[in-house]
């Protein structure tokens, strides 16, 4: 295995994986990478943060419209 195959996903890889998963377009290669090398707590935390930001964005848009 190369160094690329063994490192934990970097910050932007985690962010892009969470966004892709939220949109339902996560590639099977990236999903496999996340499940084999990623720390579940990092992805859970990123998912929670994404969800909070998404909900706050929606609330802000609704408040601007109303």
PDB file of N, CA and C in Angstrom:
ATOM      1  N   UNK A   1       0.820  -1.198   0.000  1.00  0.00           N
ATOM      2  CA  UNK A   1       0.000   0.000   0.000  1.00  0.00           C
ATOM      3  C   UNK A   1       0.858   1.254   0.000  1.00  0.00           C
ATOM      4  N   UNK A   2       0.439   2.230  -0.753  1.00  0.00           N
ATOM      5  CA  UNK A   2       1.159   3.498  -0.799  1.00  0.00           C
ATOM      6  C   UNK A   2       0.708   4.376   0.353  1.00  0.00           C
ATOM      7  N   UNK A   3       1.416   5.490   0.543  1.00  0.00           N
ATOM      8  CA  UNK A   3       1.045   6.430   1.608  1.00  0.00           C
ATOM      9  C   UNK A   3      -0.356   6.975   1.363  1.00  0.00           C
ATOM     10  N   UNK A   4      -0.712   7.116   0.085  1.00  0.00           N
ATOM     11  CA  UNK A   4      -2.050   7.618  -0.269  1.00  0.00           C
ATOM     12  C   UNK A   4      -3.138   6.633   0.162  1.00  0.00           C
ATOM     13  N   UNK A   5      -2.821   5.347   0.190  1.00  0.00           N
ATOM     14  CA  UNK A   5      -3.805   4.323   0.547  1.00  0.00           C
ATOM     15  C   UNK A   5      -3.989   4.175   2.049  1.00  0.00           C
ATOM     16  N   UNK A   6      -3.043   4.669   2.852  1.00  0.00           N
ATOM     17  CA  UNK A   6      -3.096   4.404   4.290  1.00  0.00           C
ATOM     18  C   UNK A   6      -3.416   5.612   5.146  1.00  0.00           C
ATOM     19  N   UNK A   7      -3.352   6.815   4.603  1.00  0.00           N
ATOM     20  CA  UNK A   7      -3.606   7.996   5.438  1.00  0.00           C
ATOM     21  C   UNK A   7      -5.104   8.138   5.718  1.00  0.00           C
ATOM     22  N   UNK A   8      -5.400   8.751   6.858  1.00  0.00           N
ATOM     23  CA  UNK A   8      -6.802   9.064   7.144  1.00  0.00           C
ATOM     24  C   UNK A   8      -7.233  10.168   6.201  1.00  0.00           C
ATOM     25  N   UNK A   9      -8.519  10.227   5.872  1.00  0.00           N
ATOM     26  CA  UNK A   9      -8.983  11.284   4.969  1.00  0.00           C
ATOM     27  C   UNK A   9      -8.652  12.664   5.525  1.00  0.00           C
ATOM     28  N   UNK A  10      -8.193  13.543   4.649  1.00  0.00           N
ATOM     29  CA  UNK A  10      -7.860  14.915   5.044  1.00  0.00           C
ATOM     30  C   UNK A  10      -9.130  15.719   5.254  1.00  0.00           C
ATOM     31  N   UNK A  11      -8.957  16.925   5.793  1.00  0.00           N
ATOM     32  CA  UNK A  11     -10.099  17.775   6.126  1.00  0.00           C
ATOM     33  C   UNK A  11     -11.032  17.946   4.939  1.00  0.00           C
ATOM     34  N   UNK A  12     -10.481  18.338   3.778  1.00  0.00           N
ATOM     35  CA  UNK A  12     -11.335  18.597   2.616  1.00  0.00           C
ATOM     36  C   UNK A  12     -11.954  17.315   2.078  1.00  0.00           C
ATOM     37  N   UNK A  13     -11.267  16.184   2.240  1.00  0.00           N
ATOM     38  CA  UNK A  13     -11.858  14.901   1.827  1.00  0.00           C
ATOM     39  C   UNK A  13     -13.069  14.576   2.694  1.00  0.00           C
ATOM     40  N   UNK A  14     -12.970  14.865   3.987  1.00  0.00           N
ATOM     41  CA  UNK A  14     -14.103  14.646   4.891  1.00  0.00           C
ATOM     42  C   UNK A  14     -15.251  15.573   4.516  1.00  0.00           C
ATOM     43  N   UNK A  15     -14.944  16.855   4.297  1.00  0.00           N
ATOM     44  CA  UNK A  15     -15.983  17.823   3.941  1.00  0.00           C
ATOM     45  C   UNK A  15     -16.677  17.407   2.646  1.00  0.00           C
ATOM     46  N   UNK A  16     -15.905  17.056   1.629  1.00  0.00           N
ATOM     47  CA  UNK A  16     -16.495  16.663   0.352  1.00  0.00           C
ATOM     48  C   UNK A  16     -17.288  15.366   0.478  1.00  0.00           C
ATOM     49  N   UNK A  17     -16.834  14.442   1.309  1.00  0.00           N
ATOM     50  CA  UNK A  17     -17.574  13.199   1.516  1.00  0.00           C
ATOM     51  C   UNK A  17     -18.909  13.461   2.194  1.00  0.00           C
ATOM     52  N   UNK A  18     -18.916  14.338   3.184  1.00  0.00           N
ATOM     53  CA  UNK A  18     -20.161  14.668   3.879  1.00  0.00           C
ATOM     54  C   UNK A  18     -21.130  15.364   2.924  1.00  0.00           C
ATOM     55  N   UNK A  19     -20.637  16.313   2.134  1.00  0.00           N
ATOM     56  CA  UNK A  19     -21.501  16.997   1.173  1.00  0.00           C
ATOM     57  C   UNK A  19     -22.041  16.037   0.116  1.00  0.00           C
ATOM     58  N   UNK A  20     -21.169  15.174  -0.396  1.00  0.00           N
ATOM     59  CA  UNK A  20     -21.609  14.213  -1.412  1.00  0.00           C
ATOM     60  C   UNK A  20     -22.629  13.244  -0.829  1.00  0.00           C
ATOM     61  N   UNK A  21     -22.398  12.799   0.394  1.00  0.00           N
ATOM     62  CA  UNK A  21     -23.350  11.887   1.032  1.00  0.00           C
ATOM     63  C   UNK A  21     -24.683  12.583   1.287  1.00  0.00           C
ATOM     64  N   UNK A  22     -24.637  13.849   1.677  1.00  0.00           N
ATOM     65  CA  UNK A  22     -25.873  14.593   1.931  1.00  0.00           C
ATOM     66  C   UNK A  22     -26.682  14.760   0.652  1.00  0.00           C
ATOM     67  N   UNK A  23     -25.995  14.913  -0.476  1.00  0.00           N
ATOM     68  CA  UNK A  23     -26.679  15.064  -1.756  1.00  0.00           C
ATOM     69  C   UNK A  23     -27.000  13.723  -2.406  1.00  0.00           C
ATOM     70  N   UNK A  24     -26.458  12.646  -1.849  1.00  0.00           N
ATOM     71  CA  UNK A  24     -26.734  11.314  -2.394  1.00  0.00           C
ATOM     72  C   UNK A  24     -25.920  10.978  -3.614  1.00  0.00           C
ATOM     73  N   UNK A  25     -24.757  11.593  -3.777  1.00  0.00           N
ATOM     74  CA  UNK A  25     -23.936  11.341  -4.956  1.00  0.00           C
ATOM     75  C   UNK A  25     -22.538  10.827  -4.590  1.00  0.00           C
ATOM     76  N   UNK A  26     -22.396  10.249  -3.429  1.00  0.00           N
ATOM     77  CA  UNK A  26     -21.107   9.729  -2.974  1.00  0.00           C
ATOM     78  C   UNK A  26     -20.675   8.560  -3.861  1.00  0.00           C
ATOM     79  N   UNK A  27     -19.455   8.611  -4.374  1.00  0.00           N
ATOM     80  CA  UNK A  27     -18.955   7.512  -5.204  1.00  0.00           C
ATOM     81  C   UNK A  27     -18.626   6.319  -4.314  1.00  0.00           C
ATOM     82  N   UNK A  28     -18.720   5.141  -4.897  1.00  0.00           N
ATOM     83  CA  UNK A  28     -18.453   3.937  -4.095  1.00  0.00           C
ATOM     84  C   UNK A  28     -16.984   3.885  -3.693  1.00  0.00           C
ATOM     85  N   UNK A  29     -16.082   4.430  -4.531  1.00  0.00           N
ATOM     86  CA  UNK A  29     -14.660   4.463  -4.186  1.00  0.00           C
ATOM     87  C   UNK A  29     -14.432   5.307  -2.935  1.00  0.00           C
ATOM     88  N   UNK A  30     -15.046   6.507  -2.891  1.00  0.00           N
ATOM     89  CA  UNK A  30     -14.880   7.377  -1.728  1.00  0.00           C
ATOM     90  C   UNK A  30     -15.579   6.801  -0.502  1.00  0.00           C
ATOM     91  N   UNK A  31     -16.725   6.192  -0.687  1.00  0.00           N
ATOM     92  CA  UNK A  31     -17.429   5.579   0.443  1.00  0.00           C
ATOM     93  C   UNK A  31     -16.582   4.464   1.041  1.00  0.00           C
ATOM     94  N   UNK A  32     -15.987   3.653   0.176  1.00  0.00           N
ATOM     95  CA  UNK A  32     -15.117   2.564   0.648  1.00  0.00           C
ATOM     96  C   UNK A  32     -13.918   3.133   1.400  1.00  0.00           C
ATOM     97  N   UNK A  33     -13.325   4.220   0.867  1.00  0.00           N
ATOM     98  CA  UNK A  33     -12.194   4.873   1.533  1.00  0.00           C
ATOM     99  C   UNK A  33     -12.602   5.364   2.916  1.00  0.00           C
ATOM    100  N   UNK A  34     -13.774   6.000   2.994  1.00  0.00           N
ATOM    101  CA  UNK A  34     -14.234   6.548   4.264  1.00  0.00           C
ATOM    102  C   UNK A  34     -14.469   5.455   5.297  1.00  0.00           C
ATOM    103  N   UNK A  35     -15.039   4.347   4.871  1.00  0.00           N
ATOM    104  CA  UNK A  35     -15.336   3.280   5.815  1.00  0.00           C
ATOM    105  C   UNK A  35     -14.110   2.481   6.218  1.00  0.00           C
ATOM    106  N   UNK A  36     -13.088   2.414   5.353  1.00  0.00           N
ATOM    107  CA  UNK A  36     -11.913   1.622   5.700  1.00  0.00           C
ATOM    108  C   UNK A  36     -10.847   2.431   6.431  1.00  0.00           C
ATOM    109  N   UNK A  37     -10.702   3.720   6.102  1.00  0.00           N
ATOM    110  CA  UNK A  37      -9.617   4.503   6.701  1.00  0.00           C
ATOM    111  C   UNK A  37     -10.082   5.623   7.589  1.00  0.00           C
ATOM    112  N   UNK A  38     -11.347   5.992   7.512  1.00  0.00           N
ATOM    113  CA  UNK A  38     -11.814   7.159   8.248  1.00  0.00           C
ATOM    114  C   UNK A  38     -12.219   6.836   9.675  1.00  0.00           C
ATOM    115  N   UNK A  39     -12.084   7.834  10.534  1.00  0.00           N
ATOM    116  CA  UNK A  39     -12.535   7.734  11.914  1.00  0.00           C
ATOM    117  C   UNK A  39     -14.024   8.085  11.935  1.00  0.00           C
ATOM    118  N   UNK A  40     -14.886   7.178  12.395  1.00  0.00           N
ATOM    119  CA  UNK A  40     -16.324   7.446  12.364  1.00  0.00           C
ATOM    120  C   UNK A  40     -16.722   8.725  13.101  1.00  0.00           C
ATOM    121  N   UNK A  41     -16.046   9.043  14.196  1.00  0.00           N
ATOM    122  CA  UNK A  41     -16.397  10.240  14.960  1.00  0.00           C
ATOM    123  C   UNK A  41     -16.173  11.518  14.163  1.00  0.00           C
ATOM    124  N   UNK A  42     -15.166  11.518  13.299  1.00  0.00           N
ATOM    125  CA  UNK A  42     -14.901  12.691  12.455  1.00  0.00           C
ATOM    126  C   UNK A  42     -16.063  12.894  11.487  1.00  0.00           C
ATOM    127  N   UNK A  43     -16.537  11.810  10.879  1.00  0.00           N
ATOM    128  CA  UNK A  43     -17.626  11.919   9.917  1.00  0.00           C
ATOM    129  C   UNK A  43     -18.948  12.246  10.609  1.00  0.00           C
ATOM    130  N   UNK A  44     -19.166  11.690  11.782  1.00  0.00           N
ATOM    131  CA  UNK A  44     -20.381  12.000  12.540  1.00  0.00           C
ATOM    132  C   UNK A  44     -20.381  13.478  12.928  1.00  0.00           C
ATOM    133  N   UNK A  45     -19.256  13.958  13.431  1.00  0.00           N
ATOM    134  CA  UNK A  45     -19.145  15.367  13.803  1.00  0.00           C
ATOM    135  C   UNK A  45     -19.341  16.288  12.610  1.00  0.00           C
ATOM    136  N   UNK A  46     -18.722  15.947  11.483  1.00  0.00           N
ATOM    137  CA  UNK A  46     -18.876  16.762  10.278  1.00  0.00           C
ATOM    138  C   UNK A  46     -20.326  16.739   9.799  1.00  0.00           C
ATOM    139  N   UNK A  47     -20.976  15.588   9.898  1.00  0.00           N
ATOM    140  CA  UNK A  47     -22.378  15.484   9.493  1.00  0.00           C
ATOM    141  C   UNK A  47     -23.290  16.319  10.381  1.00  0.00           C
ATOM    142  N   UNK A  48     -23.031  16.314  11.685  1.00  0.00           N
ATOM    143  CA  UNK A  48     -23.834  17.108  12.613  1.00  0.00           C
ATOM    144  C   UNK A  48     -23.637  18.599  12.337  1.00  0.00           C
ATOM    145  N   UNK A  49     -22.386  19.005  12.144  1.00  0.00           N
ATOM    146  CA  UNK A  49     -22.104  20.411  11.844  1.00  0.00           C
ATOM    147  C   UNK A  49     -22.770  20.817  10.535  1.00  0.00           C
ATOM    148  N   UNK A  50     -22.676  19.969   9.504  1.00  0.00           N
ATOM    149  CA  UNK A  50     -23.319  20.268   8.227  1.00  0.00           C
ATOM    150  C   UNK A  50     -24.824  20.421   8.396  1.00  0.00           C
ATOM    151  N   UNK A  51     -25.440  19.514   9.160  1.00  0.00           N
ATOM    152  CA  UNK A  51     -26.884  19.559   9.361  1.00  0.00           C
ATOM    153  C   UNK A  51     -27.299  20.851  10.071  1.00  0.00           C
ATOM    154  N   UNK A  52     -26.565  21.234  11.099  1.00  0.00           N
ATOM    155  CA  UNK A  52     -26.873  22.465  11.833  1.00  0.00           C
ATOM    156  C   UNK A  52     -26.751  23.677  10.901  1.00  0.00           C
ATOM    157  N   UNK A  53     -25.657  23.740  10.132  1.00  0.00           N
ATOM    158  CA  UNK A  53     -25.477  24.861   9.202  1.00  0.00           C
ATOM    159  C   UNK A  53     -26.561  24.881   8.134  1.00  0.00           C
ATOM    160  N   UNK A  54     -26.958  23.717   7.647  1.00  0.00           N
ATOM    161  CA  UNK A  54     -28.006  23.625   6.635  1.00  0.00           C
ATOM    162  C   UNK A  54     -29.330  24.141   7.180  1.00  0.00           C
ATOM    163  N   UNK A  55     -29.693  23.708   8.383  1.00  0.00           N
ATOM    164  CA  UNK A  55     -30.950  24.143   8.993  1.00  0.00           C
ATOM    165  C   UNK A  55     -30.910  25.646   9.264  1.00  0.00           C
ATOM    166  N   UNK A  56     -29.809  26.153   9.794  1.00  0.00           N
ATOM    167  CA  UNK A  56     -29.698  27.593  10.051  1.00  0.00           C
ATOM    168  C   UNK A  56     -29.781  28.407   8.763  1.00  0.00           C
ATOM    169  N   UNK A  57     -29.206  27.885   7.685  1.00  0.00           N
ATOM    170  CA  UNK A  57     -29.298  28.553   6.391  1.00  0.00           C
ATOM    171  C   UNK A  57     -30.741  28.610   5.915  1.00  0.00           C
ATOM    172  N   UNK A  58     -31.451  27.492   6.035  1.00  0.00           N
ATOM    173  CA  UNK A  58     -32.862  27.471   5.634  1.00  0.00           C
ATOM    174  C   UNK A  58     -33.694  28.436   6.471  1.00  0.00           C
ATOM    175  N   UNK A  59     -33.466  28.475   7.778  1.00  0.00           N
ATOM    176  CA  UNK A  59     -34.190  29.394   8.661  1.00  0.00           C
ATOM    177  C   UNK A  59     -33.885  30.835   8.250  1.00  0.00           C
ATOM    178  N   UNK A  60     -32.629  31.132   7.953  1.00  0.00           N
ATOM    179  CA  UNK A  60     -32.254  32.476   7.528  1.00  0.00           C
ATOM    180  C   UNK A  60     -32.931  32.872   6.221  1.00  0.00           C
ATOM    181  N   UNK A  61     -32.986  31.960   5.266  1.00  0.00           N
ATOM    182  CA  UNK A  61     -33.639  32.250   3.982  1.00  0.00           C
ATOM    183  C   UNK A  61     -35.119  32.499   4.185  1.00  0.00           C
ATOM    184  N   UNK A  62     -35.769  31.665   4.991  1.00  0.00           N
ATOM    185  CA  UNK A  62     -37.200  31.846   5.260  1.00  0.00           C
ATOM    186  C   UNK A  62     -37.446  33.187   5.949  1.00  0.00           C
ATOM    187  N   UNK A  63     -36.609  33.550   6.905  1.00  0.00           N
ATOM    188  CA  UNK A  63     -36.771  34.842   7.582  1.00  0.00           C
ATOM    189  C   UNK A  63     -36.566  36.021   6.624  1.00  0.00           C
ATOM    190  N   UNK A  64     -35.663  35.888   5.666  1.00  0.00           N
ATOM    191  CA  UNK A  64     -35.468  36.951   4.680  1.00  0.00           C
ATOM    192  C   UNK A  64     -36.694  37.097   3.783  1.00  0.00           C
ATOM    193  N   UNK A  65     -37.290  35.984   3.415  1.00  0.00           N
ATOM    194  CA  UNK A  65     -38.442  36.007   2.516  1.00  0.00           C
ATOM    195  C   UNK A  65     -39.673  36.549   3.248  1.00  0.00           C
ATOM    196  N   UNK A  66     -39.857  36.140   4.479  1.00  0.00           N
ATOM    197  CA  UNK A  66     -41.031  36.594   5.236  1.00  0.00           C
ATOM    198  C   UNK A  66     -40.705  37.913   5.842  1.00  0.00           C
TER     199      UNK A  66
END
